[in-house]
Amino acid sequence: MTQVGEGQEADESAPPVMTFGAPTAGEVLAERYELVEHINNDSAGRLVWRGVDVILRRPVAVVLRYPGGDSATEMLQAAVAASRVIHPNLVGVYDAIDEADRAYVVREWVDGQSLRDLAADGPLDPARATAIGNAVASALAAVHATGMVHGNVHPGTVMISDEGRVVLADARTDGADSQENDIRAVGGVLYFALTGSWPHAEAPLRGATAGHGRAAIPDAVRDAGAAIAAPRQVRAGVPAYLDDLTMDLLDAEIAPPSSDVLAAELARLDVPAEDEHYLDNSGPLRFAAETGEEPSPLAAAGGRKVAVGIASLLAVALVGLLIGIIALGGDDDPQSNPVAAPTSSAPAGDATPAAATARKLTIKDVRIIDPDSKNRSEVRDAEKVIDGDEDKGWETETYLNRPNFGNLKKGMGVWIDLGEPHTVKSVQAVLSATNASAQLLAGTTNPPSSRSGDKQLVASYKTPIGQPFEDHDGTTMTFNGFDADQKYQYLLFWITELAPVEGGFKLGVQEITVQGS
């Protein structure tokens, strides 16, 4: 199994793997990360291990490099930069340590496989390829919003978990790439998912193939002039709109849109296969403007022209036709020819009834869960986390020794009751300080508010929602990994590490809100 975009066989240019002093199973790094199984060596000569965080009791991936020091600077800098961007489609980076003789990065363990391995059995269907492209573009939008560049987008760094979550891993920070190349690499990912071949082999993007198993990724079909064949020329069944979008992204003569515009377009195209006929109404995003035309506002945002939606034109024409009928009919009674006036200035094609259904849900009950304390002095003021005032909230006591409550307890949390099952879109928690650690869990039980009841609740809430937020740099955590086919009534915001404050460690939860329908 590959892990976090690594694990490819080293090519001829890869540095030799140093085995002197190599770790062994059972060794504990930094008094916290136990090495369990050596998975493989990646193409840069680093050792990839499956491990366990013995404090938080969760699986991790540990990537080691020998030696540490200057030779590991780029790897450690990339890990530190990646840890600052938290997004469901980015692999979580938990730790980066340099011990001089060796350096290692501790990352989220992803049970799954890379896109390169997934497509080894054949190209993916267009709907799944679109979903993967959407996830990668969304991850890049989060990275680019900070001013950083990923610099290493290719089929080996796109991971798909066994549950279907798509994550992008193994960013680089050496400054040798650009955001534009990141975006063009999304076109390469789409092309690879649709055809099983990589279009950048002749002129690869920095980090796209070099040093990452070139022989393992087949080159695209090309004509005598080395131009690549479009996906629809390689295989049947690729929709025209997806074919056009992919080729526009790969065309060096066409400036690509920004990553957030691309992510928004791929999200619009990311529909179930049985619903793809709806795309015929508005068409795909195109980047090539015709000579002499004024670019639309959305085109200005992405740097390109957006094709006018057929549905929008028909809607405008229909309204004009009806108004003309009224004017020519000469009927002074408006009730004899009623026409529903538009209620919004937004184009007809922009209607999003699904998004309009999302709303802030009412939290019927909330309480503090503290299974390990005998005096239960910290369970008061739970109502302050849902009072609508971010200046007031519930907070823990100050713990002196360690951010994870020392040896006193495994954690504390805020339990939420929505009153009845709901479709939930997201949960947002506003905290009093940065660098805290928490996760969101779902359950079905409502035991009594007592120490024993809290123990029962924590033991039974086993469904994680989205990705745990570790060492979060901001004060707002957003969890949006809910199953659209499931309904939720009981949720648990579970704190595993406190924030550093003067005199110890402490955390306040200022406000929790739930969006859904």
Foldseek 3Di string as FASTA:
>chain_A
DDWQLFADDADPPADAADDVVNDDAQDAPPVFKGFHAFDHAGNNNWTWTWIAGVQLGAIKIKTKGAAFDPVCVFVQVLLVLLCQQDDLQAWHWFDWDHPRRMIMTITHTAAFAFQLVVCPVHADALLLLLVLLLSLLVSLLSSVVVVAGQQAQERSQWTAHPVGRTHGGDGTGPPPADQLLSQLSSLQSSLCNLGVAGACLVPHGRNHQVSHPVVSHHYADADPVRDGDFSCVRDPDHDPLSSQVSVLSNDPVFRWFGSVLVSVQSVVCNDDPVPNVVCLQAGGAHFDDDPPDDADPSCVNGVGHGDGGNNLVVVVVVVVVLVVCVVVVPDPDCVVRPDDDDPDPDGPVPDDVVVVVKDWADFPDKWKQDQQDDVPPQTPPRVQQAPPFLVDFGKDDFAADFQQNPPRDQWMKMKTFRPDWFQFFKKKWFKDAFQWKKWKFAFDDDADPDNVSSVVVVVGGDHTFRDISGRHGHRMDMTGRGDRVGIGGMMITITRGFPDDPRGGMMTTRYMIIMGD
